[in-house]
Amino acid sequence: MIMDEEDFKRHLKDKTNEINEIIKTYLPAEEGAQKTVIEALNYSVLAGGKRLRPMLMKEVYTLLGGRSRIVEPFMAAIEFIHTYSLVHDDLPAMDNDEYRRGQFTTWRVYGDGMGVLAGDALLNYAFETMLSASSMKTEYEDIYSLYEAMQIISKKSGIYGMVGGQCADLEAEDEKSLLSEEALLFIHEHKTAALIQAAMMAGAILAGADLETIAGIERCAYNIGIAFQIRDDILDVIGDDKELGKSTGSDAENGKQTYVTLHGIEKSEEEVHRLSDEAMKILDSLGGNNDFIKALVAMLVGRRY
């Protein structure tokens, strides 16, 4: 059973506000000779966002019995990593976007050189933030799990995860031939799903989950990420600009290949349902009160229950 829409919206707002406060406690002070890059870092993080990755991390952590504050620096760090990827995506050398979430992008405010440095700073500062968890010994004794969670986040955000997916996506833009489904899913898995996997798996690790449970969470997060991306591809074709808060039709305009261009709207919708159904079953197998996280997944993939 999934909570009703009004109840979900109330919980979502409260949890988003809570995450924003946690993130703020880990932001660096804007001072010293490096003040400008710190300002650019903070500007990037405070530009807004749904905070979905730290939210998923916390929900999995709590669902599996986690109760301490040890998860908080990891929640902030995963958002820093996500933000760095957006800052670099927006750069003139990449997507050359001047606006994000209704305001100027980081490079547009601080210059493209400082935009590069802000992204670099966010990635490095994410690991500083995670390492700060090792000082919270009074709340958490399993130090090994901290490093295991960091290893997962590092791999899923690096060359074998998000960066690798970005590389494949960038090269695909220069290809004249059609992408295979395998190549397209590689991009979706690594560019989109990997950081969702990192968030949810880290939450499970910090909660002390066993290997079988962590593997199930990895599969669940894969399904969520791929379904989310396919749904995004669908909305680019049939969505409304005002409702979505961003322009649609850009994929077709830019000749970009998507799951929809390969399989059409109907088959794509079916795949979103199949993937999200499987993700829901994995969440149900974990036990506990999973009403909110299931409603969150439903929102992410555009489903209503």
C-alpha atoms as a PDB file:
ATOM      1  CA  MET A   1       0.000   0.000   0.000  1.00  0.00           C
ATOM      2  CA  ILE A   2       1.229   3.509  -0.845  1.00  0.00           C
ATOM      3  CA  MET A   3       0.225   6.619   1.098  1.00  0.00           C
ATOM      4  CA  ASP A   4      -2.294   9.012  -0.417  1.00  0.00           C
ATOM      5  CA  GLU A   5      -1.065  11.973  -2.444  1.00  0.00           C
ATOM      6  CA  GLU A   6      -1.638  14.708   0.139  1.00  0.00           C
ATOM      7  CA  ASP A   7       0.079  12.707   2.880  1.00  0.00           C
ATOM      8  CA  PHE A   8       2.981  11.996   0.549  1.00  0.00           C
ATOM      9  CA  LYS A   9       3.389  15.672  -0.406  1.00  0.00           C
ATOM     10  CA  ARG A  10       3.477  16.671   3.271  1.00  0.00           C
ATOM     11  CA  HIS A  11       6.105  14.052   4.104  1.00  0.00           C
ATOM     12  CA  LEU A  12       8.105  14.965   1.000  1.00  0.00           C
ATOM     13  CA  LYS A  13       8.208  18.641   1.958  1.00  0.00           C
ATOM     14  CA  ASP A  14       9.244  17.864   5.545  1.00  0.00           C
ATOM     15  CA  LYS A  15      11.956  15.439   4.470  1.00  0.00           C
ATOM     16  CA  THR A  16      13.289  17.835   1.814  1.00  0.00           C
ATOM     17  CA  ASN A  17      13.521  20.633   4.395  1.00  0.00           C
ATOM     18  CA  GLU A  18      15.316  18.295   6.798  1.00  0.00           C
ATOM     19  CA  ILE A  19      17.844  17.314   4.122  1.00  0.00           C
ATOM     20  CA  ASN A  20      18.434  20.958   3.195  1.00  0.00           C
ATOM     21  CA  GLU A  21      19.289  21.734   6.817  1.00  0.00           C
ATOM     22  CA  ILE A  22      21.689  18.767   6.973  1.00  0.00           C
ATOM     23  CA  ILE A  23      23.400  19.882   3.765  1.00  0.00           C
ATOM     24  CA  LYS A  24      23.803  23.443   5.049  1.00  0.00           C
ATOM     25  CA  THR A  25      25.663  22.216   8.140  1.00  0.00           C
ATOM     26  CA  TYR A  26      28.339  20.691   5.896  1.00  0.00           C
ATOM     27  CA  LEU A  27      28.850  23.627   3.518  1.00  0.00           C
ATOM     28  CA  PRO A  28      32.228  25.393   3.877  1.00  0.00           C
ATOM     29  CA  ALA A  29      32.569  28.967   5.150  1.00  0.00           C
ATOM     30  CA  GLU A  30      33.089  31.559   2.423  1.00  0.00           C
ATOM     31  CA  GLU A  31      36.453  32.948   3.520  1.00  0.00           C
ATOM     32  CA  GLY A  32      40.159  32.954   2.726  1.00  0.00           C
ATOM     33  CA  ALA A  33      42.041  33.367  -0.546  1.00  0.00           C
ATOM     34  CA  GLN A  34      39.890  30.589  -2.033  1.00  0.00           C
ATOM     35  CA  LYS A  35      36.672  32.424  -1.143  1.00  0.00           C
ATOM     36  CA  THR A  36      35.421  32.718  -4.735  1.00  0.00           C
ATOM     37  CA  VAL A  37      35.477  29.004  -5.485  1.00  0.00           C
ATOM     38  CA  ILE A  38      33.756  28.328  -2.161  1.00  0.00           C
ATOM     39  CA  GLU A  39      31.082  30.880  -3.044  1.00  0.00           C
ATOM     40  CA  ALA A  40      30.606  29.127  -6.396  1.00  0.00           C
ATOM     41  CA  LEU A  41      30.402  25.751  -4.629  1.00  0.00           C
ATOM     42  CA  ASN A  42      27.770  26.992  -2.187  1.00  0.00           C
ATOM     43  CA  TYR A  43      25.844  28.774  -4.945  1.00  0.00           C
ATOM     44  CA  SER A  44      25.652  25.511  -6.879  1.00  0.00           C
ATOM     45  CA  VAL A  45      24.390  23.456  -3.938  1.00  0.00           C
ATOM     46  CA  LEU A  46      21.913  26.050  -2.692  1.00  0.00           C
ATOM     47  CA  ALA A  47      20.378  26.562  -6.148  1.00  0.00           C
ATOM     48  CA  GLY A  48      17.697  24.072  -5.137  1.00  0.00           C
ATOM     49  CA  GLY A  49      16.773  20.600  -6.250  1.00  0.00           C
ATOM     50  CA  LYS A  50      14.607  17.726  -5.104  1.00  0.00           C
ATOM     51  CA  ARG A  51      17.379  16.119  -2.985  1.00  0.00           C
ATOM     52  CA  LEU A  52      16.216  12.707  -4.235  1.00  0.00           C
ATOM     53  CA  ARG A  53      19.512  10.866  -3.792  1.00  0.00           C
ATOM     54  CA  PRO A  54      20.086  11.782  -0.143  1.00  0.00           C
ATOM     55  CA  MET A  55      16.389  11.120   0.457  1.00  0.00           C
ATOM     56  CA  LEU A  56      16.617   7.617  -1.006  1.00  0.00           C
ATOM     57  CA  MET A  57      19.766   6.979   1.015  1.00  0.00           C
ATOM     58  CA  LYS A  58      18.084   7.985   4.277  1.00  0.00           C
ATOM     59  CA  GLU A  59      14.923   6.011   3.510  1.00  0.00           C
ATOM     60  CA  VAL A  60      16.852   2.794   2.819  1.00  0.00           C
ATOM     61  CA  TYR A  61      19.033   3.374   5.898  1.00  0.00           C
ATOM     62  CA  THR A  62      15.978   3.816   8.127  1.00  0.00           C
ATOM     63  CA  LEU A  63      14.027   0.986   6.490  1.00  0.00           C
ATOM     64  CA  LEU A  64      16.871  -1.429   7.290  1.00  0.00           C
ATOM     65  CA  GLY A  65      17.117  -0.363  10.920  1.00  0.00           C
ATOM     66  CA  GLY A  66      19.639   2.500  10.836  1.00  0.00           C
ATOM     67  CA  ARG A  67      19.068   4.999  13.629  1.00  0.00           C
ATOM     68  CA  SER A  68      22.218   7.117  14.142  1.00  0.00           C
ATOM     69  CA  ARG A  69      23.325  10.382  12.528  1.00  0.00           C
ATOM     70  CA  ILE A  70      26.217   8.622  10.754  1.00  0.00           C
ATOM     71  CA  VAL A  71      24.260   8.690   7.497  1.00  0.00           C
ATOM     72  CA  GLU A  72      24.078  12.506   7.438  1.00  0.00           C
ATOM     73  CA  PRO A  73      27.571  13.321   6.052  1.00  0.00           C
ATOM     74  CA  PHE A  74      26.972  10.697   3.361  1.00  0.00           C
ATOM     75  CA  MET A  75      23.629  12.318   2.492  1.00  0.00           C
ATOM     76  CA  ALA A  76      25.359  15.679   2.059  1.00  0.00           C
ATOM     77  CA  ALA A  77      28.199  14.105   0.075  1.00  0.00           C
ATOM     78  CA  ILE A  78      25.964  12.322  -2.446  1.00  0.00           C
ATOM     79  CA  GLU A  79      24.210  15.634  -3.132  1.00  0.00           C
ATOM     80  CA  PHE A  80      27.590  17.356  -3.585  1.00  0.00           C
ATOM     81  CA  ILE A  81      28.571  14.714  -6.154  1.00  0.00           C
ATOM     82  CA  HIS A  82      25.256  15.027  -7.977  1.00  0.00           C
ATOM     83  CA  THR A  83      25.633  18.823  -7.996  1.00  0.00           C
ATOM     84  CA  TYR A  84      29.177  18.675  -9.346  1.00  0.00           C
ATOM     85  CA  SER A  85      27.935  16.564 -12.259  1.00  0.00           C
ATOM     86  CA  LEU A  86      25.302  19.200 -13.064  1.00  0.00           C
ATOM     87  CA  VAL A  87      27.806  22.058 -12.799  1.00  0.00           C
ATOM     88  CA  HIS A  88      30.095  20.322 -15.289  1.00  0.00           C
ATOM     89  CA  ASP A  89      27.179  19.310 -17.550  1.00  0.00           C
ATOM     90  CA  ASP A  90      26.208  22.970 -17.887  1.00  0.00           C
ATOM     91  CA  LEU A  91      29.684  24.135 -18.985  1.00  0.00           C
ATOM     92  CA  PRO A  92      30.181  25.578 -22.495  1.00  0.00           C
ATOM     93  CA  ALA A  93      32.353  22.562 -23.389  1.00  0.00           C
ATOM     94  CA  MET A  94      29.476  20.207 -22.509  1.00  0.00           C
ATOM     95  CA  ASP A  95      25.812  21.290 -22.801  1.00  0.00           C
ATOM     96  CA  ASN A  96      26.448  25.063 -22.734  1.00  0.00           C
ATOM     97  CA  ASP A  97      23.381  25.750 -20.549  1.00  0.00           C
ATOM     98  CA  GLU A  98      22.908  29.199 -19.032  1.00  0.00           C
ATOM     99  CA  TYR A  99      19.930  28.399 -16.815  1.00  0.00           C
ATOM    100  CA  ARG A 100      19.149  25.671 -14.319  1.00  0.00           C
ATOM    101  CA  ARG A 101      16.166  25.656 -11.930  1.00  0.00           C
ATOM    102  CA  GLY A 102      15.183  29.128 -13.057  1.00  0.00           C
ATOM    103  CA  GLN A 103      18.494  30.867 -12.352  1.00  0.00           C
ATOM    104  CA  PHE A 104      21.858  31.333 -13.998  1.00  0.00           C
ATOM    105  CA  THR A 105      24.121  28.285 -14.008  1.00  0.00           C
ATOM    106  CA  THR A 106      27.348  28.387 -12.003  1.00  0.00           C
ATOM    107  CA  TRP A 107      29.657  29.050 -14.945  1.00  0.00           C
ATOM    108  CA  ARG A 108      27.347  31.828 -16.191  1.00  0.00           C
ATOM    109  CA  VAL A 109      27.706  33.623 -12.842  1.00  0.00           C
ATOM    110  CA  TYR A 110      31.365  32.911 -12.054  1.00  0.00           C
ATOM    111  CA  GLY A 111      32.879  32.214 -15.484  1.00  0.00           C
ATOM    112  CA  ASP A 112      33.605  28.881 -17.122  1.00  0.00           C
ATOM    113  CA  GLY A 113      37.037  28.500 -15.473  1.00  0.00           C
ATOM    114  CA  MET A 114      35.569  28.952 -12.014  1.00  0.00           C
ATOM    115  CA  GLY A 115      32.720  26.650 -13.048  1.00  0.00           C
ATOM    116  CA  VAL A 116      35.254  23.891 -13.678  1.00  0.00           C
ATOM    117  CA  LEU A 117      36.888  24.558 -10.309  1.00  0.00           C
ATOM    118  CA  ALA A 118      33.520  24.611  -8.502  1.00  0.00           C
ATOM    119  CA  GLY A 119      32.725  21.147  -9.871  1.00  0.00           C
ATOM    120  CA  ASP A 120      36.190  19.893  -8.926  1.00  0.00           C
ATOM    121  CA  ALA A 121      35.791  21.376  -5.456  1.00  0.00           C
ATOM    122  CA  LEU A 122      32.389  19.741  -4.941  1.00  0.00           C
ATOM    123  CA  LEU A 123      33.726  16.306  -5.838  1.00  0.00           C
ATOM    124  CA  ASN A 124      36.726  16.609  -3.531  1.00  0.00           C
ATOM    125  CA  TYR A 125      34.680  18.152  -0.745  1.00  0.00           C
ATOM    126  CA  ALA A 126      32.206  15.256  -0.969  1.00  0.00           C
ATOM    127  CA  PHE A 127      34.964  12.871   0.103  1.00  0.00           C
ATOM    128  CA  GLU A 128      36.145  15.240   2.847  1.00  0.00           C
ATOM    129  CA  THR A 129      32.563  15.231   4.111  1.00  0.00           C
ATOM    130  CA  MET A 130      32.230  11.449   4.076  1.00  0.00           C
ATOM    131  CA  LEU A 131      35.569  11.048   5.866  1.00  0.00           C
ATOM    132  CA  SER A 132      34.338  13.357   8.624  1.00  0.00           C
ATOM    133  CA  ALA A 133      31.965  10.531   9.627  1.00  0.00           C
ATOM    134  CA  SER A 134      34.934   8.633  11.076  1.00  0.00           C
ATOM    135  CA  SER A 135      34.983  11.110  13.984  1.00  0.00           C
ATOM    136  CA  MET A 136      31.420  10.144  15.020  1.00  0.00           C
ATOM    137  CA  LYS A 137      32.620   7.160  17.048  1.00  0.00           C
ATOM    138  CA  THR A 138      30.144   7.682  19.849  1.00  0.00           C
ATOM    139  CA  GLU A 139      27.294   6.989  17.421  1.00  0.00           C
ATOM    140  CA  TYR A 140      28.806   4.318  15.219  1.00  0.00           C
ATOM    141  CA  GLU A 141      31.465   1.696  15.859  1.00  0.00           C
ATOM    142  CA  ASP A 142      31.658  -0.143  12.505  1.00  0.00           C
ATOM    143  CA  ILE A 143      34.315   2.039  10.855  1.00  0.00           C
ATOM    144  CA  TYR A 144      34.834  -0.542   8.099  1.00  0.00           C
ATOM    145  CA  SER A 145      31.284   0.072   6.839  1.00  0.00           C
ATOM    146  CA  LEU A 146      32.078   3.768   6.423  1.00  0.00           C
ATOM    147  CA  TYR A 147      34.896   2.961   4.026  1.00  0.00           C
ATOM    148  CA  GLU A 148      32.811   0.333   2.251  1.00  0.00           C
ATOM    149  CA  ALA A 149      30.077   2.933   1.666  1.00  0.00           C
ATOM    150  CA  MET A 150      32.697   5.388   0.395  1.00  0.00           C
ATOM    151  CA  GLN A 151      34.089   2.760  -1.974  1.00  0.00           C
ATOM    152  CA  ILE A 152      30.644   2.139  -3.472  1.00  0.00           C
ATOM    153  CA  ILE A 153      29.995   5.864  -3.904  1.00  0.00           C
ATOM    154  CA  SER A 154      33.439   6.350  -5.447  1.00  0.00           C
ATOM    155  CA  LYS A 155      32.984   3.525  -7.958  1.00  0.00           C
ATOM    156  CA  LYS A 156      29.410   4.412  -8.912  1.00  0.00           C
ATOM    157  CA  SER A 157      30.299   8.083  -9.464  1.00  0.00           C
ATOM    158  CA  GLY A 158      33.593   7.490 -11.305  1.00  0.00           C
ATOM    159  CA  ILE A 159      34.873   5.924 -14.520  1.00  0.00           C
ATOM    160  CA  TYR A 160      32.969   2.686 -13.862  1.00  0.00           C
ATOM    161  CA  GLY A 161      29.789   4.617 -13.100  1.00  0.00           C
ATOM    162  CA  MET A 162      28.515   8.125 -13.808  1.00  0.00           C
ATOM    163  CA  VAL A 163      31.657   9.502 -15.475  1.00  0.00           C
ATOM    164  CA  GLY A 164      31.854   6.423 -17.689  1.00  0.00           C
ATOM    165  CA  GLY A 165      28.227   6.922 -18.686  1.00  0.00           C
ATOM    166  CA  GLN A 166      28.845  10.581 -19.476  1.00  0.00           C
ATOM    167  CA  CYS A 167      31.798   9.540 -21.638  1.00  0.00           C
ATOM    168  CA  ALA A 168      29.689   7.055 -23.616  1.00  0.00           C
ATOM    169  CA  ASP A 169      26.886   9.615 -23.984  1.00  0.00           C
ATOM    170  CA  LEU A 170      29.259  12.307 -25.217  1.00  0.00           C
ATOM    171  CA  GLU A 171      30.784   9.990 -27.809  1.00  0.00           C
ATOM    172  CA  ALA A 172      27.343   8.766 -28.890  1.00  0.00           C
ATOM    173  CA  GLU A 173      26.428  12.325 -29.864  1.00  0.00           C
ATOM    174  CA  ASP A 174      29.126  12.216 -32.534  1.00  0.00           C
ATOM    175  CA  GLU A 175      28.028   8.845 -33.910  1.00  0.00           C
ATOM    176  CA  LYS A 176      26.082   8.839 -37.156  1.00  0.00           C
ATOM    177  CA  SER A 177      24.760   5.282 -36.822  1.00  0.00           C
ATOM    178  CA  LEU A 178      21.909   4.253 -34.534  1.00  0.00           C
ATOM    179  CA  LEU A 179      22.804   3.117 -31.047  1.00  0.00           C
ATOM    180  CA  SER A 180      21.956  -0.446 -30.098  1.00  0.00           C
ATOM    181  CA  GLU A 181      19.669  -1.015 -27.138  1.00  0.00           C
ATOM    182  CA  GLU A 182      22.664  -2.435 -25.258  1.00  0.00           C
ATOM    183  CA  ALA A 183      24.686   0.751 -25.834  1.00  0.00           C
ATOM    184  CA  LEU A 184      21.755   2.965 -24.843  1.00  0.00           C
ATOM    185  CA  LEU A 185      21.115   1.007 -21.637  1.00  0.00           C
ATOM    186  CA  PHE A 186      24.823   1.230 -20.805  1.00  0.00           C
ATOM    187  CA  ILE A 187      24.521   5.019 -20.933  1.00  0.00           C
ATOM    188  CA  HIS A 188      21.323   5.048 -18.868  1.00  0.00           C
ATOM    189  CA  GLU A 189      22.713   2.612 -16.295  1.00  0.00           C
ATOM    190  CA  HIS A 190      25.964   4.483 -15.775  1.00  0.00           C
ATOM    191  CA  LYS A 191      24.908   8.084 -16.340  1.00  0.00           C
ATOM    192  CA  THR A 192      21.604   7.987 -14.434  1.00  0.00           C
ATOM    193  CA  ALA A 193      21.125   4.807 -12.398  1.00  0.00           C
ATOM    194  CA  ALA A 194      24.646   4.551 -10.949  1.00  0.00           C
ATOM    195  CA  LEU A 195      24.334   7.476  -8.541  1.00  0.00           C
ATOM    196  CA  ILE A 196      20.915   6.249  -7.390  1.00  0.00           C
ATOM    197  CA  GLN A 197      22.553   2.867  -6.763  1.00  0.00           C
ATOM    198  CA  ALA A 198      25.352   4.580  -4.839  1.00  0.00           C
ATOM    199  CA  ALA A 199      22.869   6.394  -2.607  1.00  0.00           C
ATOM    200  CA  MET A 200      20.665   3.404  -1.839  1.00  0.00           C
ATOM    201  CA  MET A 201      23.505   0.897  -1.455  1.00  0.00           C
ATOM    202  CA  ALA A 202      25.416   3.226   0.881  1.00  0.00           C
ATOM    203  CA  GLY A 203      22.274   3.564   3.005  1.00  0.00           C
ATOM    204  CA  ALA A 204      22.026  -0.229   3.204  1.00  0.00           C
ATOM    205  CA  ILE A 205      25.721  -0.662   4.044  1.00  0.00           C
ATOM    206  CA  LEU A 206      25.605   1.945   6.814  1.00  0.00           C
ATOM    207  CA  ALA A 207      22.545   0.191   8.269  1.00  0.00           C
ATOM    208  CA  GLY A 208      24.536  -3.042   8.493  1.00  0.00           C
ATOM    209  CA  ALA A 209      22.735  -4.949   5.719  1.00  0.00           C
ATOM    210  CA  ASP A 210      24.076  -8.299   4.524  1.00  0.00           C
ATOM    211  CA  LEU A 211      25.484  -8.897   1.030  1.00  0.00           C
ATOM    212  CA  GLU A 212      22.271 -10.417  -0.332  1.00  0.00           C
ATOM    213  CA  THR A 213      20.231  -7.408   0.783  1.00  0.00           C
ATOM    214  CA  ILE A 214      22.777  -4.970  -0.665  1.00  0.00           C
ATOM    215  CA  ALA A 215      22.670  -6.824  -4.001  1.00  0.00           C
ATOM    216  CA  GLY A 216      18.869  -6.577  -3.994  1.00  0.00           C
ATOM    217  CA  ILE A 217      19.079  -2.850  -3.304  1.00  0.00           C
ATOM    218  CA  GLU A 218      21.535  -2.464  -6.187  1.00  0.00           C
ATOM    219  CA  ARG A 219      19.055  -4.155  -8.544  1.00  0.00           C
ATOM    220  CA  CYS A 220      16.165  -2.100  -7.172  1.00  0.00           C
ATOM    221  CA  ALA A 221      18.098   1.139  -7.729  1.00  0.00           C
ATOM    222  CA  TYR A 222      19.048   0.045 -11.255  1.00  0.00           C
ATOM    223  CA  ASN A 223      15.369  -0.457 -12.084  1.00  0.00           C
ATOM    224  CA  ILE A 224      14.454   2.911 -10.588  1.00  0.00           C
ATOM    225  CA  GLY A 225      17.200   4.700 -12.525  1.00  0.00           C
ATOM    226  CA  ILE A 226      16.397   3.108 -15.887  1.00  0.00           C
ATOM    227  CA  ALA A 227      12.639   3.600 -15.431  1.00  0.00           C
ATOM    228  CA  PHE A 228      13.261   7.228 -14.442  1.00  0.00           C
ATOM    229  CA  GLN A 229      15.355   7.842 -17.562  1.00  0.00           C
ATOM    230  CA  ILE A 230      12.891   6.133 -19.918  1.00  0.00           C
ATOM    231  CA  ARG A 231      10.083   8.157 -18.353  1.00  0.00           C
ATOM    232  CA  ASP A 232      12.131  11.312 -18.948  1.00  0.00           C
ATOM    233  CA  ASP A 233      12.533  10.289 -22.593  1.00  0.00           C
ATOM    234  CA  ILE A 234       8.757   9.814 -22.862  1.00  0.00           C
ATOM    235  CA  LEU A 235       8.045  13.211 -21.324  1.00  0.00           C
ATOM    236  CA  ASP A 236      10.405  14.861 -23.790  1.00  0.00           C
ATOM    237  CA  VAL A 237       7.977  13.706 -26.489  1.00  0.00           C
ATOM    238  CA  ILE A 238       4.568  14.112 -24.840  1.00  0.00           C
ATOM    239  CA  GLY A 239       5.226  16.353 -21.821  1.00  0.00           C
ATOM    240  CA  ASP A 240       4.119  19.935 -21.211  1.00  0.00           C
ATOM    241  CA  ASP A 241       6.832  22.590 -20.834  1.00  0.00           C
ATOM    242  CA  LYS A 242       5.038  24.501 -18.077  1.00  0.00           C
ATOM    243  CA  GLU A 243       4.142  21.427 -16.063  1.00  0.00           C
ATOM    244  CA  LEU A 244       7.662  19.982 -16.264  1.00  0.00           C
ATOM    245  CA  GLY A 245       9.455  23.269 -15.721  1.00  0.00           C
ATOM    246  CA  LYS A 246      11.796  22.644 -18.673  1.00  0.00           C
ATOM    247  CA  SER A 247      11.628  22.645 -22.458  1.00  0.00           C
ATOM    248  CA  THR A 248      10.485  19.487 -24.241  1.00  0.00           C
ATOM    249  CA  GLY A 249      11.211  18.157 -27.707  1.00  0.00           C
ATOM    250  CA  SER A 250      14.947  18.781 -27.362  1.00  0.00           C
ATOM    251  CA  ASP A 251      15.883  15.137 -27.959  1.00  0.00           C
ATOM    252  CA  ALA A 252      14.208  15.061 -31.377  1.00  0.00           C
ATOM    253  CA  GLU A 253      15.460  18.536 -32.228  1.00  0.00           C
ATOM    254  CA  ASN A 254      19.050  17.494 -31.458  1.00  0.00           C
ATOM    255  CA  GLY A 255      18.683  14.118 -33.159  1.00  0.00           C
ATOM    256  CA  LYS A 256      19.388  12.341 -29.876  1.00  0.00           C
ATOM    257  CA  GLN A 257      18.618   8.643 -29.648  1.00  0.00           C
ATOM    258  CA  THR A 258      16.480   7.518 -26.727  1.00  0.00           C
ATOM    259  CA  TYR A 259      14.543   4.460 -25.605  1.00  0.00           C
ATOM    260  CA  VAL A 260      11.490   6.047 -27.211  1.00  0.00           C
ATOM    261  CA  THR A 261      13.158   6.451 -30.607  1.00  0.00           C
ATOM    262  CA  LEU A 262      14.117   2.763 -30.457  1.00  0.00           C
ATOM    263  CA  HIS A 263      10.836   1.298 -29.193  1.00  0.00           C
ATOM    264  CA  GLY A 264       8.103   3.924 -29.360  1.00  0.00           C
ATOM    265  CA  ILE A 265       5.893   5.354 -26.594  1.00  0.00           C
ATOM    266  CA  GLU A 266       3.764   2.268 -25.860  1.00  0.00           C
ATOM    267  CA  LYS A 267       6.673  -0.166 -25.454  1.00  0.00           C
ATOM    268  CA  SER A 268       8.556   2.424 -23.393  1.00  0.00           C
ATOM    269  CA  GLU A 269       5.589   2.850 -21.022  1.00  0.00           C
ATOM    270  CA  GLU A 270       5.397  -0.938 -20.621  1.00  0.00           C
ATOM    271  CA  GLU A 271       9.078  -1.084 -19.700  1.00  0.00           C
ATOM    272  CA  VAL A 272       8.665   1.671 -17.095  1.00  0.00           C
ATOM    273  CA  HIS A 273       5.881  -0.368 -15.484  1.00  0.00           C
ATOM    274  CA  ARG A 274       7.869  -3.611 -15.592  1.00  0.00           C
ATOM    275  CA  LEU A 275      10.969  -2.058 -14.032  1.00  0.00           C
ATOM    276  CA  SER A 276       9.084  -0.153 -11.340  1.00  0.00           C
ATOM    277  CA  ASP A 277       6.967  -3.205 -10.448  1.00  0.00           C
ATOM    278  CA  GLU A 278      10.128  -5.203  -9.868  1.00  0.00           C
ATOM    279  CA  ALA A 279      11.623  -2.371  -7.792  1.00  0.00           C
ATOM    280  CA  MET A 280       8.484  -2.283  -5.631  1.00  0.00           C
ATOM    281  CA  LYS A 281       8.679  -6.040  -5.034  1.00  0.00           C
ATOM    282  CA  ILE A 282      12.273  -5.733  -3.856  1.00  0.00           C
ATOM    283  CA  LEU A 283      11.279  -2.948  -1.449  1.00  0.00           C
ATOM    284  CA  ASP A 284       8.400  -5.094  -0.150  1.00  0.00           C
ATOM    285  CA  SER A 285      10.823  -7.961   0.524  1.00  0.00           C
ATOM    286  CA  LEU A 286      12.776  -5.761   2.948  1.00  0.00           C
ATOM    287  CA  GLY A 287       9.860  -5.450   5.367  1.00  0.00           C
ATOM    288  CA  GLY A 288       9.283  -2.416   7.579  1.00  0.00           C
ATOM    289  CA  ASN A 289       7.263   0.694   6.850  1.00  0.00           C
ATOM    290  CA  ASN A 290       8.015   1.334   3.187  1.00  0.00           C
ATOM    291  CA  ASP A 291       4.976   3.452   2.289  1.00  0.00           C
ATOM    292  CA  PHE A 292       6.925   6.657   1.721  1.00  0.00           C
ATOM    293  CA  ILE A 293       9.812   5.218  -0.290  1.00  0.00           C
ATOM    294  CA  LYS A 294       7.360   3.350  -2.531  1.00  0.00           C
ATOM    295  CA  ALA A 295       5.402   6.554  -3.099  1.00  0.00           C
ATOM    296  CA  LEU A 296       8.700   8.329  -3.836  1.00  0.00           C
ATOM    297  CA  VAL A 297       9.638   5.710  -6.430  1.00  0.00           C
ATOM    298  CA  ALA A 298       6.156   5.994  -7.968  1.00  0.00           C
ATOM    299  CA  MET A 299       6.659   9.761  -8.269  1.00  0.00           C
ATOM    300  CA  LEU A 300      10.102   9.350  -9.822  1.00  0.00           C
ATOM    301  CA  VAL A 301       8.875   7.073 -12.599  1.00  0.00           C
ATOM    302  CA  GLY A 302       5.647   8.987 -13.176  1.00  0.00           C
ATOM    303  CA  ARG A 303       3.249   6.345 -11.857  1.00  0.00           C
ATOM    304  CA  ARG A 304       0.145   6.774  -9.740  1.00  0.00           C
ATOM    305  CA  TYR A 305      -1.139   3.989  -7.460  1.00  0.00           C
END
